All heavy atoms as atom14 arrays in JSON, in Angstrom:
{
  "sequence": "DDDLPNAVALNASLFNSAQLIGPAIAGLMIAAIGTGWVFMVNALSFVA",
  "atom14_mask": [
    [1, 1, 1, 1, 1, 1, 1, 1, 0, 0, 0, 0, 0, 0],
    [1, 1, 1, 1, 1, 1, 1, 1, 0, 0, 0, 0, 0, 0],
    [1, 1, 1, 1, 1, 1, 1, 1, 0, 0, 0, 0, 0, 0],
    [1, 1, 1, 1, 1, 1, 1, 1, 0, 0, 0, 0, 0, 0],
    [1, 1, 1, 1, 1, 1, 1, 0, 0, 0, 0, 0, 0, 0],
    [1, 1, 1, 1, 1, 1, 1, 1, 0, 0, 0, 0, 0, 0],
    [1, 1, 1, 1, 1, 0, 0, 0, 0, 0, 0, 0, 0, 0],
    [1, 1, 1, 1, 1, 1, 1, 0, 0, 0, 0, 0, 0, 0],
    [1, 1, 1, 1, 1, 0, 0, 0, 0, 0, 0, 0, 0, 0],
    [1, 1, 1, 1, 1, 1, 1, 1, 0, 0, 0, 0, 0, 0],
    [1, 1, 1, 1, 1, 1, 1, 1, 0, 0, 0, 0, 0, 0],
    [1, 1, 1, 1, 1, 0, 0, 0, 0, 0, 0, 0, 0, 0],
    [1, 1, 1, 1, 1, 1, 0, 0, 0, 0, 0, 0, 0, 0],
    [1, 1, 1, 1, 1, 1, 1, 1, 0, 0, 0, 0, 0, 0],
    [1, 1, 1, 1, 1, 1, 1, 1, 1, 1, 1, 0, 0, 0],
    [1, 1, 1, 1, 1, 1, 1, 1, 0, 0, 0, 0, 0, 0],
    [1, 1, 1, 1, 1, 1, 0, 0, 0, 0, 0, 0, 0, 0],
    [1, 1, 1, 1, 1, 0, 0, 0, 0, 0, 0, 0, 0, 0],
    [1, 1, 1, 1, 1, 1, 1, 1, 1, 0, 0, 0, 0, 0],
    [1, 1, 1, 1, 1, 1, 1, 1, 0, 0, 0, 0, 0, 0],
    [1, 1, 1, 1, 1, 1, 1, 1, 0, 0, 0, 0, 0, 0],
    [1, 1, 1, 1, 0, 0, 0, 0, 0, 0, 0, 0, 0, 0],
    [1, 1, 1, 1, 1, 1, 1, 0, 0, 0, 0, 0, 0, 0],
    [1, 1, 1, 1, 1, 0, 0, 0, 0, 0, 0, 0, 0, 0],
    [1, 1, 1, 1, 1, 1, 1, 1, 0, 0, 0, 0, 0, 0],
    [1, 1, 1, 1, 1, 0, 0, 0, 0, 0, 0, 0, 0, 0],
    [1, 1, 1, 1, 0, 0, 0, 0, 0, 0, 0, 0, 0, 0],
    [1, 1, 1, 1, 1, 1, 1, 1, 0, 0, 0, 0, 0, 0],
    [1, 1, 1, 1, 1, 1, 1, 1, 0, 0, 0, 0, 0, 0],
    [1, 1, 1, 1, 1, 1, 1, 1, 0, 0, 0, 0, 0, 0],
    [1, 1, 1, 1, 1, 0, 0, 0, 0, 0, 0, 0, 0, 0],
    [1, 1, 1, 1, 1, 0, 0, 0, 0, 0, 0, 0, 0, 0],
    [1, 1, 1, 1, 1, 1, 1, 1, 0, 0, 0, 0, 0, 0],
    [1, 1, 1, 1, 0, 0, 0, 0, 0, 0, 0, 0, 0, 0],
    [1, 1, 1, 1, 1, 1, 1, 0, 0, 0, 0, 0, 0, 0],
    [1, 1, 1, 1, 0, 0, 0, 0, 0, 0, 0, 0, 0, 0],
    [1, 1, 1, 1, 1, 1, 1, 1, 1, 1, 1, 1, 1, 1],
    [1, 1, 1, 1, 1, 1, 1, 0, 0, 0, 0, 0, 0, 0],
    [1, 1, 1, 1, 1, 1, 1, 1, 1, 1, 1, 0, 0, 0],
    [1, 1, 1, 1, 1, 1, 1, 1, 0, 0, 0, 0, 0, 0],
    [1, 1, 1, 1, 1, 1, 1, 0, 0, 0, 0, 0, 0, 0],
    [1, 1, 1, 1, 1, 1, 1, 1, 0, 0, 0, 0, 0, 0],
    [1, 1, 1, 1, 1, 0, 0, 0, 0, 0, 0, 0, 0, 0],
    [1, 1, 1, 1, 1, 1, 1, 1, 0, 0, 0, 0, 0, 0],
    [1, 1, 1, 1, 1, 1, 0, 0, 0, 0, 0, 0, 0, 0],
    [1, 1, 1, 1, 1, 1, 1, 1, 1, 1, 1, 0, 0, 0],
    [1, 1, 1, 1, 1, 1, 1, 0, 0, 0, 0, 0, 0, 0],
    [1, 1, 1, 1, 1, 0, 0, 0, 0, 0, 0, 0, 0, 0]
  ],
  "atom14_positions": [
    [[-15.04, -12.57, 19.54], [-14.48, -13.69, 18.79], [-15.42, -14.24, 17.72], [-14.97, -14.76, 16.7], [-14.11, -14.83, 19.75], [-12.77, -14.57, 20.44], [-12.12, -13.56, 20.11], [-12.39, -15.38, 21.3], [0.0, 0.0, 0.0], [0.0, 0.0, 0.0], [0.0, 0.0, 0.0], [0.0, 0.0, 0.0], [0.0, 0.0, 0.0], [0.0, 0.0, 0.0]],
    [[-16.73, -14.15, 17.94], [-17.66, -14.72, 16.97], [-17.54, -14.07, 15.6], [-17.64, -14.74, 14.56], [-19.11, -14.58, 17.47], [-19.4, -15.51, 18.65], [-18.61, -16.46, 18.85], [-20.39, -15.28, 19.36], [0.0, 0.0, 0.0], [0.0, 0.0, 0.0], [0.0, 0.0, 0.0], [0.0, 0.0, 0.0], [0.0, 0.0, 0.0], [0.0, 0.0, 0.0]],
    [[-17.35, -12.76, 15.58], [-17.24, -12.04, 14.32], [-15.8, -11.71, 13.95], [-15.56, -10.94, 13.01], [-18.05, -10.72, 14.38], [-19.54, -10.96, 14.32], [-19.94, -11.97, 13.72], [-20.31, -10.15, 14.87], [0.0, 0.0, 0.0], [0.0, 0.0, 0.0], [0.0, 0.0, 0.0], [0.0, 0.0, 0.0], [0.0, 0.0, 0.0], [0.0, 0.0, 0.0]],
    [[-14.84, -12.29, 14.68], [-13.43, -11.96, 14.43], [-12.97, -12.28, 13.01], [-12.34, -11.42, 12.36], [-12.54, -12.66, 15.45], [-11.04, -12.38, 15.32], [-10.73, -10.9, 15.51], [-10.25, -13.21, 16.34], [0.0, 0.0, 0.0], [0.0, 0.0, 0.0], [0.0, 0.0, 0.0], [0.0, 0.0, 0.0], [0.0, 0.0, 0.0], [0.0, 0.0, 0.0]],
    [[-13.24, -13.49, 12.45], [-12.78, -13.73, 11.07], [-13.35, -12.72, 10.08], [-12.65, -12.27, 9.17], [-13.31, -15.15, 10.78], [-13.46, -15.78, 12.11], [-13.9, -14.68, 13.02], [0.0, 0.0, 0.0], [0.0, 0.0, 0.0], [0.0, 0.0, 0.0], [0.0, 0.0, 0.0], [0.0, 0.0, 0.0], [0.0, 0.0, 0.0], [0.0, 0.0, 0.0]],
    [[-14.63, -12.36, 10.27], [-15.24, -11.37, 9.39], [-14.56, -10.02, 9.53], [-14.26, -9.35, 8.53], [-16.73, -11.25, 9.72], [-17.43, -10.16, 8.93], [-17.69, -9.09, 9.44], [-17.73, -10.45, 7.67], [0.0, 0.0, 0.0], [0.0, 0.0, 0.0], [0.0, 0.0, 0.0], [0.0, 0.0, 0.0], [0.0, 0.0, 0.0], [0.0, 0.0, 0.0]],
    [[-14.3, -9.58, 10.77], [-13.69, -8.27, 11.0], [-12.26, -8.22, 10.48], [-11.83, -7.21, 9.92], [-13.72, -7.93, 12.5], [0.0, 0.0, 0.0], [0.0, 0.0, 0.0], [0.0, 0.0, 0.0], [0.0, 0.0, 0.0], [0.0, 0.0, 0.0], [0.0, 0.0, 0.0], [0.0, 0.0, 0.0], [0.0, 0.0, 0.0], [0.0, 0.0, 0.0]],
    [[-11.51, -9.31, 10.65], [-10.13, -9.36, 10.14], [-10.14, -9.23, 8.61], [-9.34, -8.49, 8.03], [-9.44, -10.67, 10.57], [-8.14, -10.88, 9.8], [-9.16, -10.64, 12.07], [0.0, 0.0, 0.0], [0.0, 0.0, 0.0], [0.0, 0.0, 0.0], [0.0, 0.0, 0.0], [0.0, 0.0, 0.0], [0.0, 0.0, 0.0], [0.0, 0.0, 0.0]],
    [[-11.05, -9.96, 7.97], [-11.13, -9.9, 6.5], [-11.59, -8.52, 6.03], [-11.07, -7.98, 5.05], [-12.06, -10.98, 5.99], [0.0, 0.0, 0.0], [0.0, 0.0, 0.0], [0.0, 0.0, 0.0], [0.0, 0.0, 0.0], [0.0, 0.0, 0.0], [0.0, 0.0, 0.0], [0.0, 0.0, 0.0], [0.0, 0.0, 0.0], [0.0, 0.0, 0.0]],
    [[-12.57, -7.93, 6.72], [-13.01, -6.58, 6.34], [-11.88, -5.56, 6.54], [-11.72, -4.64, 5.73], [-14.24, -6.17, 7.17], [-15.57, -6.77, 6.76], [-16.68, -6.24, 7.67], [-15.89, -6.46, 5.3], [0.0, 0.0, 0.0], [0.0, 0.0, 0.0], [0.0, 0.0, 0.0], [0.0, 0.0, 0.0], [0.0, 0.0, 0.0], [0.0, 0.0, 0.0]],
    [[-11.13, -5.73, 7.62], [-9.98, -4.84, 7.85], [-9.01, -4.92, 6.67], [-8.49, -3.91, 6.2], [-9.27, -5.25, 9.14], [-9.12, -4.1, 10.1], [-10.03, -3.3, 10.26], [-7.97, -4.02, 10.74], [0.0, 0.0, 0.0], [0.0, 0.0, 0.0], [0.0, 0.0, 0.0], [0.0, 0.0, 0.0], [0.0, 0.0, 0.0], [0.0, 0.0, 0.0]],
    [[-8.77, -6.14, 6.2], [-7.87, -6.32, 5.06], [-8.46, -5.71, 3.8], [-7.74, -5.11, 2.99], [-7.6, -7.81, 4.84], [0.0, 0.0, 0.0], [0.0, 0.0, 0.0], [0.0, 0.0, 0.0], [0.0, 0.0, 0.0], [0.0, 0.0, 0.0], [0.0, 0.0, 0.0], [0.0, 0.0, 0.0], [0.0, 0.0, 0.0], [0.0, 0.0, 0.0]],
    [[-9.78, -5.85, 3.61], [-10.4, -5.28, 2.41], [-10.33, -3.76, 2.44], [-10.12, -3.12, 1.41], [-11.85, -5.74, 2.29], [-12.67, -5.17, 3.28], [0.0, 0.0, 0.0], [0.0, 0.0, 0.0], [0.0, 0.0, 0.0], [0.0, 0.0, 0.0], [0.0, 0.0, 0.0], [0.0, 0.0, 0.0], [0.0, 0.0, 0.0], [0.0, 0.0, 0.0]],
    [[-10.48, -3.16, 3.63], [-10.38, -1.7, 3.74], [-8.94, -1.24, 3.45], [-8.73, -0.22, 2.79], [-10.8, -1.25, 5.14], [-12.28, -1.45, 5.49], [-12.53, -1.16, 6.96], [-13.16, -0.57, 4.61], [0.0, 0.0, 0.0], [0.0, 0.0, 0.0], [0.0, 0.0, 0.0], [0.0, 0.0, 0.0], [0.0, 0.0, 0.0], [0.0, 0.0, 0.0]],
    [[-7.98, -2.01, 3.97], [-6.57, -1.66, 3.72], [-6.25, -1.72, 2.24], [-5.58, -0.84, 1.69], [-5.67, -2.62, 4.49], [-4.2, -2.33, 4.36], [-3.63, -1.25, 5.0], [-3.38, -3.14, 3.59], [-2.27, -0.98, 4.88], [-2.03, -2.88, 3.46], [-1.48, -1.8, 4.11], [0.0, 0.0, 0.0], [0.0, 0.0, 0.0], [0.0, 0.0, 0.0]],
    [[-6.77, -2.74, 1.57], [-6.47, -2.88, 0.15], [-7.36, -2.0, -0.73], [-6.98, -1.68, -1.85], [-6.58, -4.35, -0.25], [-5.44, -5.17, 0.31], [-4.32, -5.1, -0.16], [-5.73, -5.93, 1.35], [0.0, 0.0, 0.0], [0.0, 0.0, 0.0], [0.0, 0.0, 0.0], [0.0, 0.0, 0.0], [0.0, 0.0, 0.0], [0.0, 0.0, 0.0]],
    [[-8.54, -1.62, -0.23], [-9.32, -0.61, -0.94], [-8.56, 0.7, -0.99], [-8.59, 1.43, -1.99], [-10.68, -0.42, -0.25], [-11.47, -1.57, -0.33], [0.0, 0.0, 0.0], [0.0, 0.0, 0.0], [0.0, 0.0, 0.0], [0.0, 0.0, 0.0], [0.0, 0.0, 0.0], [0.0, 0.0, 0.0], [0.0, 0.0, 0.0], [0.0, 0.0, 0.0]],
    [[-7.87, 1.0, 0.11], [-7.04, 2.2, 0.12], [-5.92, 2.11, -0.89], [-5.46, 3.12, -1.44], [-6.47, 2.42, 1.53], [0.0, 0.0, 0.0], [0.0, 0.0, 0.0], [0.0, 0.0, 0.0], [0.0, 0.0, 0.0], [0.0, 0.0, 0.0], [0.0, 0.0, 0.0], [0.0, 0.0, 0.0], [0.0, 0.0, 0.0], [0.0, 0.0, 0.0]],
    [[-5.46, 0.87, -1.18], [-4.42, 0.67, -2.18], [-4.92, 1.02, -3.58], [-4.13, 1.33, -4.47], [-3.92, -0.77, -2.14], [-2.67, -1.01, -2.99], [-2.21, -2.46, -2.96], [-2.83, -3.3, -2.3], [-1.13, -2.76, -3.67], [0.0, 0.0, 0.0], [0.0, 0.0, 0.0], [0.0, 0.0, 0.0], [0.0, 0.0, 0.0], [0.0, 0.0, 0.0]],
    [[-6.24, 0.95, -3.79], [-6.79, 1.37, -5.07], [-6.63, 2.86, -5.29], [-6.48, 3.33, -6.42], [-8.29, 1.02, -5.14], [-8.65, -0.46, -5.21], [-10.15, -0.64, -5.0], [-8.24, -1.03, -6.55], [0.0, 0.0, 0.0], [0.0, 0.0, 0.0], [0.0, 0.0, 0.0], [0.0, 0.0, 0.0], [0.0, 0.0, 0.0], [0.0, 0.0, 0.0]],
    [[-6.66, 3.61, -4.19], [-6.67, 5.07, -4.28], [-5.28, 5.65, -4.03], [-4.79, 6.48, -4.79], [-7.66, 5.66, -3.25], [-9.05, 5.06, -3.44], [-7.71, 7.18, -3.35], [-10.02, 5.37, -2.32], [0.0, 0.0, 0.0], [0.0, 0.0, 0.0], [0.0, 0.0, 0.0], [0.0, 0.0, 0.0], [0.0, 0.0, 0.0], [0.0, 0.0, 0.0]],
    [[-4.63, 5.19, -2.94], [-3.37, 5.78, -2.51], [-2.27, 5.8, -3.55], [-1.71, 6.87, -3.86], [0.0, 0.0, 0.0], [0.0, 0.0, 0.0], [0.0, 0.0, 0.0], [0.0, 0.0, 0.0], [0.0, 0.0, 0.0], [0.0, 0.0, 0.0], [0.0, 0.0, 0.0], [0.0, 0.0, 0.0], [0.0, 0.0, 0.0], [0.0, 0.0, 0.0]],
    [[-1.91, 4.65, -4.15], [-0.82, 4.66, -5.13], [-1.12, 5.53, -6.35], [-0.22, 6.2, -6.87], [-0.7, 3.19, -5.54], [-1.19, 2.44, -4.35], [-2.31, 3.27, -3.81], [0.0, 0.0, 0.0], [0.0, 0.0, 0.0], [0.0, 0.0, 0.0], [0.0, 0.0, 0.0], [0.0, 0.0, 0.0], [0.0, 0.0, 0.0], [0.0, 0.0, 0.0]],
    [[-2.38, 5.53, -6.8], [-2.72, 6.36, -7.96], [-2.56, 7.84, -7.64], [-2.0, 8.61, -8.43], [-4.16, 6.05, -8.4], [0.0, 0.0, 0.0], [0.0, 0.0, 0.0], [0.0, 0.0, 0.0], [0.0, 0.0, 0.0], [0.0, 0.0, 0.0], [0.0, 0.0, 0.0], [0.0, 0.0, 0.0], [0.0, 0.0, 0.0], [0.0, 0.0, 0.0]],
    [[-3.05, 8.25, -6.45], [-2.88, 9.65, -6.03], [-1.41, 9.98, -5.88], [-0.95, 11.06, -6.3], [-3.64, 9.92, -4.72], [-5.15, 9.74, -4.91], [-3.34, 11.32, -4.2], [-5.94, 9.87, -3.62], [0.0, 0.0, 0.0], [0.0, 0.0, 0.0], [0.0, 0.0, 0.0], [0.0, 0.0, 0.0], [0.0, 0.0, 0.0], [0.0, 0.0, 0.0]],
    [[-0.66, 9.06, -5.26], [0.77, 9.31, -5.07], [1.49, 9.47, -6.4], [2.33, 10.37, -6.55], [1.39, 8.16, -4.28], [0.0, 0.0, 0.0], [0.0, 0.0, 0.0], [0.0, 0.0, 0.0], [0.0, 0.0, 0.0], [0.0, 0.0, 0.0], [0.0, 0.0, 0.0], [0.0, 0.0, 0.0], [0.0, 0.0, 0.0], [0.0, 0.0, 0.0]],
    [[1.18, 8.61, -7.37], [1.82, 8.72, -8.67], [1.55, 10.07, -9.32], [2.46, 10.7, -9.88], [0.0, 0.0, 0.0], [0.0, 0.0, 0.0], [0.0, 0.0, 0.0], [0.0, 0.0, 0.0], [0.0, 0.0, 0.0], [0.0, 0.0, 0.0], [0.0, 0.0, 0.0], [0.0, 0.0, 0.0], [0.0, 0.0, 0.0], [0.0, 0.0, 0.0]],
    [[0.3, 10.56, -9.23], [-0.04, 11.86, -9.81], [0.65, 13.0, -9.05], [1.16, 13.94, -9.67], [-1.56, 12.06, -9.78], [-2.38, 11.13, -10.69], [-3.87, 11.32, -10.43], [-2.05, 11.39, -12.15], [0.0, 0.0, 0.0], [0.0, 0.0, 0.0], [0.0, 0.0, 0.0], [0.0, 0.0, 0.0], [0.0, 0.0, 0.0], [0.0, 0.0, 0.0]],
    [[0.69, 12.89, -7.72], [1.32, 13.95, -6.92], [2.82, 14.0, -7.16], [3.41, 15.09, -7.24], [1.02, 13.74, -5.43], [-0.41, 14.05, -5.03], [-0.68, 13.92, -3.23], [0.38, 15.25, -2.63], [0.0, 0.0, 0.0], [0.0, 0.0, 0.0], [0.0, 0.0, 0.0], [0.0, 0.0, 0.0], [0.0, 0.0, 0.0], [0.0, 0.0, 0.0]],
    [[3.44, 12.83, -7.25], [4.89, 12.81, -7.49], [5.21, 13.47, -8.82], [6.16, 14.26, -8.93], [5.42, 11.36, -7.45], [5.33, 10.79, -6.04], [6.86, 11.3, -7.95], [5.59, 9.3, -5.96], [0.0, 0.0, 0.0], [0.0, 0.0, 0.0], [0.0, 0.0, 0.0], [0.0, 0.0, 0.0], [0.0, 0.0, 0.0], [0.0, 0.0, 0.0]],
    [[4.42, 13.14, -9.84], [4.66, 13.72, -11.16], [4.4, 15.22, -11.17], [5.08, 15.97, -11.88], [3.78, 13.02, -12.19], [0.0, 0.0, 0.0], [0.0, 0.0, 0.0], [0.0, 0.0, 0.0], [0.0, 0.0, 0.0], [0.0, 0.0, 0.0], [0.0, 0.0, 0.0], [0.0, 0.0, 0.0], [0.0, 0.0, 0.0], [0.0, 0.0, 0.0]],
    [[3.42, 15.68, -10.4], [3.01, 17.09, -10.45], [3.81, 17.98, -9.51], [4.28, 19.06, -9.91], [1.52, 17.21, -10.15], [0.0, 0.0, 0.0], [0.0, 0.0, 0.0], [0.0, 0.0, 0.0], [0.0, 0.0, 0.0], [0.0, 0.0, 0.0], [0.0, 0.0, 0.0], [0.0, 0.0, 0.0], [0.0, 0.0, 0.0], [0.0, 0.0, 0.0]],
    [[3.99, 17.56, -8.25], [4.6, 18.46, -7.26], [5.72, 17.81, -6.45], [6.27, 18.45, -5.54], [3.54, 19.03, -6.29], [2.76, 17.9, -5.62], [2.59, 19.96, -7.03], [1.71, 18.39, -4.62], [0.0, 0.0, 0.0], [0.0, 0.0, 0.0], [0.0, 0.0, 0.0], [0.0, 0.0, 0.0], [0.0, 0.0, 0.0], [0.0, 0.0, 0.0]],
    [[6.06, 16.55, -6.72], [7.18, 15.92, -6.04], [6.76, 15.04, -4.88], [5.6, 15.04, -4.45], [0.0, 0.0, 0.0], [0.0, 0.0, 0.0], [0.0, 0.0, 0.0], [0.0, 0.0, 0.0], [0.0, 0.0, 0.0], [0.0, 0.0, 0.0], [0.0, 0.0, 0.0], [0.0, 0.0, 0.0], [0.0, 0.0, 0.0], [0.0, 0.0, 0.0]],
    [[7.73, 14.31, -4.34], [7.45, 13.32, -3.3], [7.2, 13.93, -1.93], [6.53, 13.33, -1.09], [8.62, 12.32, -3.18], [9.83, 13.05, -2.93], [8.78, 11.51, -4.45], [0.0, 0.0, 0.0], [0.0, 0.0, 0.0], [0.0, 0.0, 0.0], [0.0, 0.0, 0.0], [0.0, 0.0, 0.0], [0.0, 0.0, 0.0], [0.0, 0.0, 0.0]],
    [[7.73, 15.1, -1.66], [7.63, 15.68, -0.32], [6.21, 15.84, 0.17], [5.89, 15.51, 1.32], [0.0, 0.0, 0.0], [0.0, 0.0, 0.0], [0.0, 0.0, 0.0], [0.0, 0.0, 0.0], [0.0, 0.0, 0.0], [0.0, 0.0, 0.0], [0.0, 0.0, 0.0], [0.0, 0.0, 0.0], [0.0, 0.0, 0.0], [0.0, 0.0, 0.0]],
    [[5.32, 16.34, -0.69], [3.94, 16.56, -0.29], [3.22, 15.25, 0.02], [2.27, 15.23, 0.81], [3.19, 17.33, -1.38], [3.5, 18.79, -1.37], [4.28, 19.48, -2.25], [3.06, 19.75, -0.41], [4.35, 20.8, -1.91], [3.61, 21.0, -0.78], [2.25, 19.67, 0.72], [3.36, 22.17, -0.05], [2.0, 20.82, 1.46], [2.56, 22.05, 1.06]],
    [[3.65, 14.17, -0.58], [3.01, 12.88, -0.3], [3.24, 12.49, 1.17], [2.32, 12.02, 1.85], [3.56, 11.78, -1.23], [2.93, 10.43, -0.92], [3.31, 12.16, -2.69], [0.0, 0.0, 0.0], [0.0, 0.0, 0.0], [0.0, 0.0, 0.0], [0.0, 0.0, 0.0], [0.0, 0.0, 0.0], [0.0, 0.0, 0.0], [0.0, 0.0, 0.0]],
    [[4.45, 12.69, 1.67], [4.73, 12.39, 3.07], [3.92, 13.29, 4.0], [3.45, 12.84, 5.06], [6.23, 12.54, 3.36], [7.1, 11.58, 2.59], [7.92, 12.02, 1.56], [7.1, 10.23, 2.88], [8.72, 11.14, 0.86], [7.9, 9.33, 2.18], [8.71, 9.79, 1.16], [0.0, 0.0, 0.0], [0.0, 0.0, 0.0], [0.0, 0.0, 0.0]],
    [[3.74, 14.55, 3.63], [2.96, 15.48, 4.44], [1.49, 15.06, 4.51], [0.85, 15.13, 5.57], [3.09, 16.89, 3.89], [4.51, 17.41, 3.76], [5.37, 17.5, 5.35], [4.66, 19.0, 6.01], [0.0, 0.0, 0.0], [0.0, 0.0, 0.0], [0.0, 0.0, 0.0], [0.0, 0.0, 0.0], [0.0, 0.0, 0.0], [0.0, 0.0, 0.0]],
    [[0.96, 14.6, 3.38], [-0.44, 14.14, 3.37], [-0.6, 12.91, 4.26], [-1.59, 12.77, 4.99], [-0.89, 13.84, 1.92], [-2.23, 13.11, 1.91], [-0.98, 15.13, 1.12], [0.0, 0.0, 0.0], [0.0, 0.0, 0.0], [0.0, 0.0, 0.0], [0.0, 0.0, 0.0], [0.0, 0.0, 0.0], [0.0, 0.0, 0.0], [0.0, 0.0, 0.0]],
    [[0.37, 12.02, 4.23], [0.29, 10.83, 5.09], [0.3, 11.23, 6.56], [-0.46, 10.67, 7.36], [1.45, 9.88, 4.8], [1.37, 8.62, 5.65], [0.31, 8.04, 5.82], [2.5, 8.21, 6.21], [0.0, 0.0, 0.0], [0.0, 0.0, 0.0], [0.0, 0.0, 0.0], [0.0, 0.0, 0.0], [0.0, 0.0, 0.0], [0.0, 0.0, 0.0]],
    [[1.15, 12.18, 6.93], [1.18, 12.64, 8.32], [-0.18, 13.17, 8.74], [-0.68, 12.88, 9.84], [2.25, 13.72, 8.49], [0.0, 0.0, 0.0], [0.0, 0.0, 0.0], [0.0, 0.0, 0.0], [0.0, 0.0, 0.0], [0.0, 0.0, 0.0], [0.0, 0.0, 0.0], [0.0, 0.0, 0.0], [0.0, 0.0, 0.0], [0.0, 0.0, 0.0]],
    [[-0.84, 13.92, 7.86], [-2.16, 14.46, 8.17], [-3.22, 13.37, 8.27], [-4.16, 13.48, 9.07], [-2.54, 15.47, 7.09], [-3.87, 16.23, 7.29], [-3.81, 17.07, 8.55], [-4.16, 17.1, 6.08], [0.0, 0.0, 0.0], [0.0, 0.0, 0.0], [0.0, 0.0, 0.0], [0.0, 0.0, 0.0], [0.0, 0.0, 0.0], [0.0, 0.0, 0.0]],
    [[-3.06, 12.29, 7.51], [-4.08, 11.24, 7.49], [-4.21, 10.51, 8.82], [-5.26, 9.92, 9.12], [-3.77, 10.23, 6.37], [-2.66, 9.4, 6.72], [0.0, 0.0, 0.0], [0.0, 0.0, 0.0], [0.0, 0.0, 0.0], [0.0, 0.0, 0.0], [0.0, 0.0, 0.0], [0.0, 0.0, 0.0], [0.0, 0.0, 0.0], [0.0, 0.0, 0.0]],
    [[-3.17, 10.55, 9.65], [-3.24, 9.88, 10.95], [-4.24, 10.55, 11.89], [-4.68, 9.94, 12.87], [-1.86, 9.84, 11.61], [-0.95, 8.8, 11.04], [0.01, 9.12, 10.09], [-1.04, 7.48, 11.46], [0.85, 8.16, 9.56], [-0.19, 6.5, 10.93], [0.75, 6.84, 9.98], [0.0, 0.0, 0.0], [0.0, 0.0, 0.0], [0.0, 0.0, 0.0]],
    [[-4.61, 11.81, 11.6], [-5.59, 12.49, 12.43], [-6.91, 11.72, 12.44], [-7.62, 11.67, 13.45], [-5.81, 13.94, 11.93], [-6.95, 14.61, 12.68], [-4.52, 14.75, 12.08], [0.0, 0.0, 0.0], [0.0, 0.0, 0.0], [0.0, 0.0, 0.0], [0.0, 0.0, 0.0], [0.0, 0.0, 0.0], [0.0, 0.0, 0.0], [0.0, 0.0, 0.0]],
    [[-7.26, 11.1, 11.31], [-8.54, 10.38, 11.21], [-8.6, 9.2, 12.17], [-9.59, 9.01, 12.88], [-8.75, 9.91, 9.77], [0.0, 0.0, 0.0], [0.0, 0.0, 0.0], [0.0, 0.0, 0.0], [0.0, 0.0, 0.0], [0.0, 0.0, 0.0], [0.0, 0.0, 0.0], [0.0, 0.0, 0.0], [0.0, 0.0, 0.0], [0.0, 0.0, 0.0]]
  ]
}
């Protein structure tokens, strides 16, 4: 509990840092090879 506010905020920053990368990659992938591969990449990302 002592570090909970810090961890919650860091969790949010990590989630939104991913927003810096994910939408840009998705936009390029959709334009280049279509939406299907984007869903496949997301399925693979859960392994991490």
